[in-house]
C-alpha cells in the first residue's frame, strides 16, 4: 500500500516499519504477583506488525501499585518477565516501549496495607471515591458489594447534540458528577 500510514517512520534512532501505534491499555493479566508472563508476551507479539507498541501501564515500585494484576518492573523477577515479552516482539521485528506508571494519590489504601498512598504532594483527593477496585481481601460484607465506576476510561460518547457531533463528557474519577466539556 502507498498510504502514508503504512510507510516507515524515523523516530530518533529507531526506524518504525509503519506509523501504526498500539496505544497502552490496562490489561490486568499479570496475576496477583504482578509478573509479566507468557500470555502477555503472546499478546504483544501478535501485534508486533504495528510500527510501535506501547505496553500497558507498568508500576515502578510497590508503592506505585493501585490496579489489580497490573504488571510491575521493580524486581529482578519482573524484569526477567518483561524480557520474554520484548524478545517475542523483537523476534517478529517489532518495537515496544514500556509505559512506566505510578498511581499516586489515586491509589486505594488497601493496596498499601491500609496506609495512605504515596503521592507527589500532600494535597488530598477531593472525595473518597477511587478509580481502582480494592483488592478482594479489603472488600467485606459490612461495606456492601463493590460496584465498578460508571464509566471506563477518561471519556465516553453520549447522545447526539444538534450539531451532529458527539459530545465528550469528562468522567474524572474523583468527581461525583461528569462535567461536560
N, C-alpha and C. Protein backbone atom coordinates (compact mmCIF):
# COMPACT_ATOMS: atom_id res chain seq x y z
N UNK A 1 0.84 -1.19 0.00
CA UNK A 1 0.00 0.00 0.00
C UNK A 1 0.88 1.24 0.00
N UNK A 2 0.39 2.29 -0.64
CA UNK A 2 1.16 3.53 -0.73
C UNK A 2 0.73 4.56 0.29
N UNK A 3 -0.24 4.25 1.13
CA UNK A 3 -0.70 5.19 2.14
C UNK A 3 0.44 5.56 3.08
N UNK A 4 0.48 6.82 3.49
CA UNK A 4 1.48 7.30 4.43
C UNK A 4 1.44 6.48 5.72
N UNK A 5 0.26 6.01 6.10
CA UNK A 5 0.10 5.22 7.32
C UNK A 5 0.99 3.98 7.32
N UNK A 6 1.22 3.39 6.14
CA UNK A 6 1.97 2.15 6.04
C UNK A 6 3.43 2.36 5.64
N UNK A 7 3.86 3.59 5.55
CA UNK A 7 5.26 3.87 5.21
C UNK A 7 6.12 3.92 6.47
N UNK A 8 7.39 3.55 6.36
CA UNK A 8 8.28 3.60 7.51
C UNK A 8 8.38 5.01 8.09
N UNK A 9 8.73 5.07 9.35
CA UNK A 9 8.83 6.35 10.05
C UNK A 9 10.08 6.33 10.92
N UNK A 10 10.86 7.39 10.85
CA UNK A 10 12.07 7.51 11.66
C UNK A 10 11.71 8.22 12.96
N UNK A 11 11.92 7.54 14.09
CA UNK A 11 11.67 8.09 15.42
C UNK A 11 13.00 8.12 16.15
N UNK A 12 13.67 9.26 16.09
CA UNK A 12 15.02 9.42 16.64
C UNK A 12 15.93 8.34 16.07
N UNK A 13 16.42 7.42 16.88
CA UNK A 13 17.34 6.40 16.37
C UNK A 13 16.63 5.10 15.98
N UNK A 14 15.30 5.11 15.96
CA UNK A 14 14.54 3.92 15.60
C UNK A 14 13.85 4.13 14.25
N UNK A 15 13.82 3.10 13.46
CA UNK A 15 13.03 3.13 12.23
C UNK A 15 11.84 2.21 12.44
N UNK A 16 10.65 2.79 12.47
CA UNK A 16 9.42 2.01 12.65
C UNK A 16 8.95 1.55 11.28
N UNK A 17 8.44 0.34 11.18
CA UNK A 17 8.04 -0.21 9.89
C UNK A 17 6.82 0.49 9.30
N UNK A 18 6.02 1.15 10.14
CA UNK A 18 4.86 1.92 9.68
C UNK A 18 4.49 2.93 10.77
N UNK A 19 3.43 3.67 10.57
CA UNK A 19 3.03 4.72 11.51
C UNK A 19 1.87 4.30 12.40
N UNK A 20 1.65 3.01 12.51
CA UNK A 20 0.58 2.48 13.35
C UNK A 20 1.15 2.26 14.76
N UNK A 21 0.42 2.72 15.76
CA UNK A 21 0.86 2.59 17.15
C UNK A 21 -0.22 1.88 17.96
N UNK A 22 0.19 0.85 18.69
CA UNK A 22 -0.72 0.20 19.64
C UNK A 22 -0.67 1.04 20.90
N UNK A 23 -1.77 1.67 21.22
CA UNK A 23 -1.79 2.52 22.40
C UNK A 23 -1.85 1.67 23.66
N UNK A 24 -1.39 2.22 24.79
CA UNK A 24 -1.39 1.45 26.03
C UNK A 24 -2.80 1.20 26.54
N UNK A 25 -3.00 0.00 27.05
CA UNK A 25 -4.28 -0.38 27.64
C UNK A 25 -4.00 -1.12 28.94
N UNK A 26 -4.83 -0.95 29.93
CA UNK A 26 -4.67 -1.67 31.19
C UNK A 26 -5.28 -3.05 30.99
N UNK A 27 -4.44 -4.06 30.92
CA UNK A 27 -4.90 -5.41 30.58
C UNK A 27 -5.12 -6.28 31.81
N UNK A 28 -4.40 -6.03 32.90
CA UNK A 28 -4.58 -6.77 34.16
C UNK A 28 -4.46 -8.28 33.99
N UNK A 29 -3.39 -8.72 33.34
CA UNK A 29 -3.18 -10.15 33.13
C UNK A 29 -1.89 -10.64 33.78
N UNK A 30 -1.30 -9.84 34.65
CA UNK A 30 -0.03 -10.23 35.27
C UNK A 30 -0.22 -11.08 36.51
N UNK A 31 -1.46 -11.25 36.97
CA UNK A 31 -1.71 -12.04 38.16
C UNK A 31 -1.39 -11.27 39.43
N UNK A 32 -1.70 -11.88 40.55
CA UNK A 32 -1.51 -11.21 41.85
C UNK A 32 -0.06 -10.88 42.12
N UNK A 33 0.88 -11.65 41.57
CA UNK A 33 2.31 -11.40 41.78
C UNK A 33 2.83 -10.29 40.88
N UNK A 34 2.00 -9.81 39.95
CA UNK A 34 2.35 -8.72 39.03
C UNK A 34 3.52 -9.05 38.10
N UNK A 35 3.65 -10.33 37.78
CA UNK A 35 4.76 -10.78 36.95
C UNK A 35 4.36 -10.82 35.47
N UNK A 36 5.12 -10.14 34.62
CA UNK A 36 4.88 -10.28 33.19
C UNK A 36 5.03 -11.75 32.82
N UNK A 37 4.16 -12.25 31.95
CA UNK A 37 4.10 -13.69 31.72
C UNK A 37 3.99 -14.03 30.23
N UNK A 38 3.91 -15.31 29.93
CA UNK A 38 3.85 -15.79 28.54
C UNK A 38 2.59 -15.28 27.81
N UNK A 39 1.48 -15.19 28.51
CA UNK A 39 0.25 -14.68 27.90
C UNK A 39 0.46 -13.24 27.41
N UNK A 40 1.13 -12.45 28.21
CA UNK A 40 1.42 -11.06 27.82
C UNK A 40 2.39 -11.03 26.64
N UNK A 41 3.41 -11.89 26.67
CA UNK A 41 4.37 -11.95 25.57
C UNK A 41 3.66 -12.31 24.26
N UNK A 42 2.75 -13.28 24.34
CA UNK A 42 1.99 -13.68 23.15
C UNK A 42 1.12 -12.54 22.63
N UNK A 43 0.45 -11.84 23.55
CA UNK A 43 -0.42 -10.72 23.17
C UNK A 43 0.36 -9.65 22.39
N UNK A 44 1.49 -9.23 22.93
CA UNK A 44 2.27 -8.18 22.26
C UNK A 44 2.92 -8.69 20.98
N UNK A 45 3.39 -9.94 20.96
CA UNK A 45 3.99 -10.50 19.75
C UNK A 45 2.97 -10.55 18.61
N UNK A 46 1.72 -10.88 18.93
CA UNK A 46 0.66 -10.93 17.92
C UNK A 46 0.42 -9.56 17.28
N UNK A 47 0.77 -8.52 17.96
CA UNK A 47 0.52 -7.16 17.47
C UNK A 47 1.80 -6.46 17.01
N UNK A 48 2.87 -7.21 16.88
CA UNK A 48 4.18 -6.62 16.58
C UNK A 48 4.31 -6.07 15.17
N UNK A 49 3.32 -6.28 14.31
CA UNK A 49 3.40 -5.69 12.97
C UNK A 49 3.09 -4.20 12.99
N UNK A 50 2.56 -3.70 14.09
CA UNK A 50 2.38 -2.25 14.22
C UNK A 50 3.77 -1.61 14.28
N UNK A 51 3.85 -0.37 13.90
CA UNK A 51 5.14 0.32 13.93
C UNK A 51 5.71 0.43 15.33
N UNK A 52 4.83 0.69 16.30
CA UNK A 52 5.27 0.86 17.68
C UNK A 52 4.20 0.31 18.61
N UNK A 53 4.63 -0.46 19.60
CA UNK A 53 3.75 -0.94 20.65
C UNK A 53 4.10 -0.19 21.92
N UNK A 54 3.09 0.28 22.63
CA UNK A 54 3.31 0.88 23.95
C UNK A 54 2.63 -0.05 24.94
N UNK A 55 3.41 -0.55 25.89
CA UNK A 55 2.88 -1.55 26.82
C UNK A 55 1.81 -0.97 27.71
N UNK A 56 1.12 -1.88 28.38
CA UNK A 56 0.17 -1.47 29.41
C UNK A 56 0.93 -0.77 30.53
N UNK A 57 0.21 -0.04 31.34
CA UNK A 57 0.82 0.66 32.46
C UNK A 57 1.54 -0.33 33.36
N UNK A 58 2.78 -0.04 33.70
CA UNK A 58 3.64 -0.95 34.46
C UNK A 58 4.17 -0.22 35.68
N UNK A 59 3.83 -0.71 36.86
CA UNK A 59 4.20 0.00 38.09
C UNK A 59 5.70 -0.07 38.34
N UNK A 60 6.22 1.03 38.87
CA UNK A 60 7.66 1.18 39.06
C UNK A 60 8.13 0.81 40.47
N UNK A 61 7.20 0.62 41.38
CA UNK A 61 7.55 0.24 42.75
C UNK A 61 6.31 -0.32 43.43
N UNK A 62 6.51 -0.95 44.57
CA UNK A 62 5.36 -1.47 45.30
C UNK A 62 4.42 -0.33 45.70
N UNK A 63 4.99 0.82 46.04
CA UNK A 63 4.18 1.98 46.42
C UNK A 63 3.39 2.55 45.24
N UNK A 64 3.77 2.20 44.02
CA UNK A 64 3.11 2.70 42.82
C UNK A 64 1.84 1.93 42.48
N UNK A 65 1.65 0.76 43.10
CA UNK A 65 0.51 -0.10 42.76
C UNK A 65 -0.81 0.57 43.11
N UNK A 66 -1.80 0.24 42.32
CA UNK A 66 -3.13 0.78 42.55
C UNK A 66 -4.15 0.18 41.59
N UNK A 67 -3.78 -0.89 40.93
CA UNK A 67 -4.69 -1.54 39.99
C UNK A 67 -4.42 -3.03 40.09
N UNK A 68 -5.44 -3.83 40.24
CA UNK A 68 -5.27 -5.27 40.39
C UNK A 68 -4.61 -5.90 39.17
N UNK A 69 -3.64 -6.76 39.45
CA UNK A 69 -2.99 -7.59 38.45
C UNK A 69 -2.29 -6.83 37.32
N UNK A 70 -1.93 -5.58 37.57
CA UNK A 70 -1.12 -4.86 36.60
C UNK A 70 0.33 -5.30 36.78
N UNK A 71 1.10 -5.33 35.69
CA UNK A 71 2.48 -5.79 35.82
C UNK A 71 3.36 -4.74 36.50
N UNK A 72 4.46 -5.22 37.02
CA UNK A 72 5.45 -4.33 37.62
C UNK A 72 6.78 -4.49 36.92
N UNK A 73 7.72 -3.62 37.31
CA UNK A 73 9.07 -3.71 36.76
C UNK A 73 10.09 -3.35 37.85
N UNK A 74 9.74 -3.64 39.11
CA UNK A 74 10.58 -3.23 40.23
C UNK A 74 11.29 -4.35 40.95
N UNK A 75 11.23 -5.57 40.44
CA UNK A 75 12.03 -6.67 41.00
C UNK A 75 12.77 -7.35 39.85
N UNK A 76 13.79 -8.10 40.19
CA UNK A 76 14.54 -8.84 39.16
C UNK A 76 13.63 -9.82 38.43
N UNK A 77 12.73 -10.47 39.17
CA UNK A 77 11.81 -11.43 38.56
C UNK A 77 10.88 -10.75 37.55
N UNK A 78 10.41 -9.55 37.88
CA UNK A 78 9.56 -8.80 36.95
C UNK A 78 10.34 -8.39 35.71
N UNK A 79 11.56 -7.94 35.91
CA UNK A 79 12.40 -7.55 34.78
C UNK A 79 12.63 -8.73 33.85
N UNK A 80 12.89 -9.90 34.42
CA UNK A 80 13.06 -11.11 33.61
C UNK A 80 11.78 -11.42 32.84
N UNK A 81 10.63 -11.23 33.47
CA UNK A 81 9.35 -11.46 32.79
C UNK A 81 9.18 -10.56 31.58
N UNK A 82 9.57 -9.29 31.72
CA UNK A 82 9.45 -8.37 30.60
C UNK A 82 10.41 -8.75 29.47
N UNK A 83 11.52 -9.40 29.80
CA UNK A 83 12.46 -9.81 28.75
C UNK A 83 11.81 -10.80 27.79
N UNK A 84 10.93 -11.67 28.30
CA UNK A 84 10.22 -12.61 27.42
C UNK A 84 9.34 -11.85 26.43
N UNK A 85 8.66 -10.81 26.93
CA UNK A 85 7.79 -10.02 26.07
C UNK A 85 8.59 -9.26 25.02
N UNK A 86 9.63 -8.56 25.45
CA UNK A 86 10.41 -7.77 24.49
C UNK A 86 11.08 -8.69 23.47
N UNK A 87 11.57 -9.84 23.90
CA UNK A 87 12.18 -10.78 22.96
C UNK A 87 11.17 -11.27 21.93
N UNK A 88 9.96 -11.59 22.38
CA UNK A 88 8.91 -12.06 21.46
C UNK A 88 8.58 -10.99 20.42
N UNK A 89 8.51 -9.74 20.85
CA UNK A 89 8.22 -8.64 19.92
C UNK A 89 9.40 -8.42 18.98
N UNK A 90 10.61 -8.40 19.52
CA UNK A 90 11.79 -8.16 18.68
C UNK A 90 12.00 -9.28 17.67
N UNK A 91 11.69 -10.53 18.04
CA UNK A 91 11.83 -11.66 17.11
C UNK A 91 10.95 -11.49 15.87
N UNK A 92 9.86 -10.76 16.03
CA UNK A 92 8.96 -10.50 14.89
C UNK A 92 9.23 -9.15 14.25
N UNK A 93 10.34 -8.52 14.64
CA UNK A 93 10.73 -7.24 14.04
C UNK A 93 10.00 -6.04 14.60
N UNK A 94 9.35 -6.20 15.74
CA UNK A 94 8.59 -5.10 16.32
C UNK A 94 9.40 -4.24 17.28
N UNK A 95 8.83 -3.10 17.63
CA UNK A 95 9.43 -2.16 18.57
C UNK A 95 8.40 -1.94 19.69
N UNK A 96 8.86 -2.02 20.95
CA UNK A 96 7.96 -1.85 22.08
C UNK A 96 8.56 -0.88 23.09
N UNK A 97 7.74 0.00 23.61
CA UNK A 97 8.11 0.89 24.71
C UNK A 97 7.34 0.44 25.94
N UNK A 98 7.97 0.55 27.09
CA UNK A 98 7.33 0.22 28.35
C UNK A 98 6.77 1.49 28.97
N UNK A 99 5.48 1.49 29.26
CA UNK A 99 4.84 2.64 29.90
C UNK A 99 5.03 2.51 31.41
N UNK A 100 5.76 3.44 32.01
CA UNK A 100 6.00 3.42 33.45
C UNK A 100 4.84 4.10 34.15
N UNK A 101 4.46 3.58 35.34
CA UNK A 101 3.23 4.02 35.98
C UNK A 101 3.39 4.13 37.49
N UNK A 102 2.84 5.16 38.04
CA UNK A 102 2.70 5.33 39.49
C UNK A 102 1.31 5.90 39.73
N UNK A 103 0.49 5.19 40.50
CA UNK A 103 -0.89 5.61 40.70
C UNK A 103 -1.02 6.87 41.56
N UNK A 104 -0.01 7.16 42.37
CA UNK A 104 -0.08 8.36 43.20
C UNK A 104 -1.25 8.31 44.17
N UNK A 105 -1.79 9.47 44.47
CA UNK A 105 -2.86 9.53 45.46
C UNK A 105 -4.17 8.94 44.96
N UNK A 106 -4.26 8.59 43.69
CA UNK A 106 -5.48 7.96 43.16
C UNK A 106 -5.56 6.49 43.57
N UNK A 107 -4.47 5.96 44.11
CA UNK A 107 -4.46 4.58 44.56
C UNK A 107 -5.31 4.43 45.82
N UNK A 108 -5.74 3.21 46.08
CA UNK A 108 -6.55 2.91 47.26
C UNK A 108 -5.64 2.42 48.38
N UNK A 109 -5.94 2.80 49.60
CA UNK A 109 -5.09 2.42 50.74
C UNK A 109 -4.99 0.91 50.92
N UNK A 110 -5.96 0.16 50.42
CA UNK A 110 -5.92 -1.29 50.57
C UNK A 110 -4.76 -1.92 49.77
N UNK A 111 -4.20 -1.20 48.82
CA UNK A 111 -3.03 -1.68 48.10
C UNK A 111 -1.76 -1.48 48.91
N UNK A 112 -1.85 -0.74 49.99
CA UNK A 112 -0.67 -0.33 50.76
C UNK A 112 -0.81 -0.67 52.24
N UNK A 113 -1.44 -1.79 52.53
CA UNK A 113 -1.59 -2.22 53.90
C UNK A 113 -2.36 -1.26 54.78
N UNK A 114 -3.33 -0.55 54.20
CA UNK A 114 -4.14 0.40 54.95
C UNK A 114 -3.52 1.78 55.09
N UNK A 115 -2.28 1.93 54.64
CA UNK A 115 -1.60 3.23 54.71
C UNK A 115 -2.02 4.10 53.53
N UNK A 116 -1.95 5.42 53.70
CA UNK A 116 -2.27 6.30 52.57
C UNK A 116 -1.32 6.05 51.41
N UNK A 117 -1.81 6.28 50.22
CA UNK A 117 -0.98 6.10 49.03
C UNK A 117 0.11 7.16 48.99
N UNK A 118 1.24 6.79 48.40
CA UNK A 118 2.34 7.72 48.22
C UNK A 118 1.98 8.61 47.03
N UNK A 119 2.13 9.92 47.22
CA UNK A 119 1.77 10.87 46.17
C UNK A 119 2.83 11.97 46.08
N UNK A 120 2.83 12.75 45.00
CA UNK A 120 3.85 13.77 44.82
C UNK A 120 3.66 15.01 45.70
N UNK A 121 2.51 15.11 46.36
CA UNK A 121 2.27 16.27 47.22
C UNK A 121 1.33 15.86 48.35
N UNK A 122 1.16 16.75 49.31
CA UNK A 122 0.29 16.47 50.45
C UNK A 122 -1.16 16.84 50.17
N UNK A 123 -1.46 17.23 48.96
CA UNK A 123 -2.83 17.60 48.61
C UNK A 123 -3.67 16.33 48.53
N UNK A 124 -4.76 16.30 49.28
CA UNK A 124 -5.60 15.11 49.28
C UNK A 124 -6.59 15.16 48.13
N UNK A 125 -7.16 13.99 47.83
CA UNK A 125 -8.20 13.93 46.81
C UNK A 125 -9.43 14.66 47.32
N UNK A 126 -10.26 15.15 46.40
CA UNK A 126 -11.43 15.92 46.81
C UNK A 126 -12.55 15.05 47.37
N UNK A 127 -12.55 13.75 47.05
CA UNK A 127 -13.55 12.82 47.58
C UNK A 127 -12.86 11.52 47.92
N UNK A 128 -13.59 10.62 48.54
CA UNK A 128 -13.02 9.33 48.86
C UNK A 128 -13.16 8.33 47.72
N UNK A 129 -13.84 8.72 46.66
CA UNK A 129 -14.04 7.82 45.53
C UNK A 129 -12.70 7.56 44.85
N UNK A 130 -12.48 6.34 44.46
CA UNK A 130 -11.22 5.98 43.83
C UNK A 130 -11.46 5.33 42.48
N UNK A 131 -10.44 5.37 41.62
CA UNK A 131 -10.59 4.81 40.28
C UNK A 131 -10.20 3.34 40.23
N UNK A 132 -9.75 2.81 41.32
CA UNK A 132 -9.30 1.43 41.30
C UNK A 132 -10.15 0.56 42.19
N UNK A 133 -10.28 -0.67 41.81
CA UNK A 133 -11.05 -1.61 42.60
C UNK A 133 -10.14 -2.15 43.70
N UNK A 134 -10.52 -1.99 44.95
CA UNK A 134 -9.68 -2.51 46.03
C UNK A 134 -9.53 -4.02 45.91
N UNK A 135 -8.40 -4.56 46.37
CA UNK A 135 -8.23 -6.00 46.33
C UNK A 135 -9.36 -6.71 47.07
N UNK A 136 -9.65 -7.93 46.66
CA UNK A 136 -10.76 -8.69 47.26
C UNK A 136 -10.63 -8.79 48.77
N UNK A 137 -9.40 -8.87 49.27
CA UNK A 137 -9.21 -9.02 50.71
C UNK A 137 -9.71 -7.82 51.50
N UNK A 138 -9.85 -6.66 50.85
CA UNK A 138 -10.30 -5.47 51.57
C UNK A 138 -11.81 -5.25 51.48
N UNK A 139 -12.49 -6.05 50.62
CA UNK A 139 -13.93 -5.89 50.47
C UNK A 139 -14.63 -6.80 51.46
N UNK A 140 -15.50 -6.25 52.27
CA UNK A 140 -16.22 -7.06 53.26
C UNK A 140 -17.70 -6.81 53.13
N UNK A 141 -18.49 -7.70 53.73
CA UNK A 141 -19.94 -7.55 53.68
C UNK A 141 -20.39 -6.28 54.39
N UNK A 142 -19.65 -5.85 55.40
CA UNK A 142 -20.06 -4.65 56.13
C UNK A 142 -20.00 -3.41 55.26
N UNK A 143 -19.17 -3.46 54.20
CA UNK A 143 -19.07 -2.33 53.29
C UNK A 143 -19.95 -2.51 52.07
N UNK A 144 -20.64 -3.63 51.99
CA UNK A 144 -21.50 -3.87 50.83
C UNK A 144 -20.70 -4.38 49.66
N UNK A 145 -21.38 -4.67 48.59
CA UNK A 145 -20.73 -5.18 47.38
C UNK A 145 -20.12 -4.02 46.62
N UNK A 146 -18.89 -4.22 46.17
CA UNK A 146 -18.21 -3.18 45.40
C UNK A 146 -18.89 -3.02 44.06
N UNK A 147 -19.07 -1.79 43.62
CA UNK A 147 -19.65 -1.53 42.31
C UNK A 147 -18.61 -0.82 41.46
N UNK A 148 -18.47 -1.24 40.20
CA UNK A 148 -17.45 -0.62 39.35
C UNK A 148 -17.83 0.82 39.03
N UNK A 149 -16.83 1.64 38.63
CA UNK A 149 -17.14 3.00 38.23
C UNK A 149 -18.16 3.00 37.09
N UNK A 150 -18.93 4.06 36.99
CA UNK A 150 -19.97 4.14 35.98
C UNK A 150 -19.41 4.11 34.57
N UNK A 151 -18.26 4.71 34.35
CA UNK A 151 -17.65 4.75 33.03
C UNK A 151 -16.28 4.12 33.11
N UNK A 152 -15.83 3.56 31.99
CA UNK A 152 -14.49 3.00 31.94
C UNK A 152 -13.63 3.91 31.08
N UNK A 153 -12.62 4.49 31.64
CA UNK A 153 -11.73 5.37 30.90
C UNK A 153 -12.00 6.82 31.23
N UNK A 154 -11.31 7.71 30.52
CA UNK A 154 -11.42 9.13 30.81
C UNK A 154 -12.56 9.81 30.09
N UNK A 155 -13.01 9.25 28.97
CA UNK A 155 -14.04 9.90 28.16
C UNK A 155 -15.07 8.85 27.75
N UNK A 156 -16.26 9.33 27.46
CA UNK A 156 -17.25 8.46 26.85
C UNK A 156 -18.06 9.30 25.87
N UNK A 157 -18.69 8.66 24.93
CA UNK A 157 -19.52 9.34 23.95
C UNK A 157 -20.96 9.29 24.45
N UNK A 158 -21.63 10.42 24.41
CA UNK A 158 -23.02 10.46 24.85
C UNK A 158 -23.86 11.23 23.84
N UNK A 159 -25.05 10.74 23.61
CA UNK A 159 -26.06 11.47 22.85
C UNK A 159 -25.60 12.06 21.53
N UNK A 160 -26.48 12.74 20.90
CA UNK A 160 -26.22 13.44 19.66
C UNK A 160 -26.62 14.90 19.83
N UNK A 161 -25.67 15.79 20.02
CA UNK A 161 -26.04 17.20 20.11
C UNK A 161 -26.55 17.70 18.75
N UNK A 162 -27.21 18.83 18.73
CA UNK A 162 -27.80 19.34 17.49
C UNK A 162 -26.83 19.44 16.33
N UNK A 163 -25.54 19.70 16.60
CA UNK A 163 -24.57 19.87 15.52
C UNK A 163 -24.25 18.55 14.83
N UNK A 164 -24.67 17.44 15.41
CA UNK A 164 -24.38 16.14 14.83
C UNK A 164 -23.05 15.56 15.32
N UNK A 165 -22.28 16.35 16.05
CA UNK A 165 -21.02 15.86 16.59
C UNK A 165 -21.26 15.20 17.94
N UNK A 166 -20.40 14.28 18.29
CA UNK A 166 -20.52 13.63 19.59
C UNK A 166 -20.11 14.59 20.69
N UNK A 167 -20.79 14.50 21.80
CA UNK A 167 -20.48 15.33 22.96
C UNK A 167 -19.54 14.53 23.85
N UNK A 168 -18.40 15.13 24.23
CA UNK A 168 -17.47 14.44 25.11
C UNK A 168 -17.76 14.87 26.54
N UNK A 169 -17.80 13.90 27.41
CA UNK A 169 -18.10 14.17 28.81
C UNK A 169 -16.93 13.67 29.65
N UNK A 170 -16.37 14.56 30.46
CA UNK A 170 -15.29 14.17 31.34
C UNK A 170 -15.85 13.30 32.46
N UNK A 171 -15.16 12.24 32.77
CA UNK A 171 -15.59 11.37 33.87
C UNK A 171 -14.44 11.23 34.85
N UNK A 172 -13.94 12.34 35.31
CA UNK A 172 -12.83 12.30 36.26
C UNK A 172 -13.26 11.44 37.44
N UNK A 173 -12.40 10.53 37.82
CA UNK A 173 -12.75 9.56 38.83
C UNK A 173 -13.04 10.21 40.18
N UNK A 174 -12.41 11.29 40.49
CA UNK A 174 -12.60 11.87 41.82
C UNK A 174 -13.75 12.87 41.88
N UNK A 175 -14.53 12.97 40.84
CA UNK A 175 -15.70 13.84 40.89
C UNK A 175 -16.96 12.98 40.99
N UNK A 176 -18.00 13.53 41.54
CA UNK A 176 -19.22 12.75 41.68
C UNK A 176 -20.12 12.89 40.48
N UNK A 177 -20.00 13.95 39.72
CA UNK A 177 -20.81 14.16 38.53
C UNK A 177 -19.90 14.44 37.33
N UNK A 178 -20.20 13.83 36.16
CA UNK A 178 -19.42 14.15 34.99
C UNK A 178 -19.59 15.63 34.63
N UNK A 179 -18.55 16.20 34.05
CA UNK A 179 -18.56 17.60 33.67
C UNK A 179 -18.50 17.69 32.16
N UNK A 180 -19.47 18.32 31.53
CA UNK A 180 -19.46 18.46 30.07
C UNK A 180 -18.34 19.41 29.66
N UNK A 181 -17.64 19.05 28.57
CA UNK A 181 -16.58 19.91 28.05
C UNK A 181 -16.80 20.19 26.60
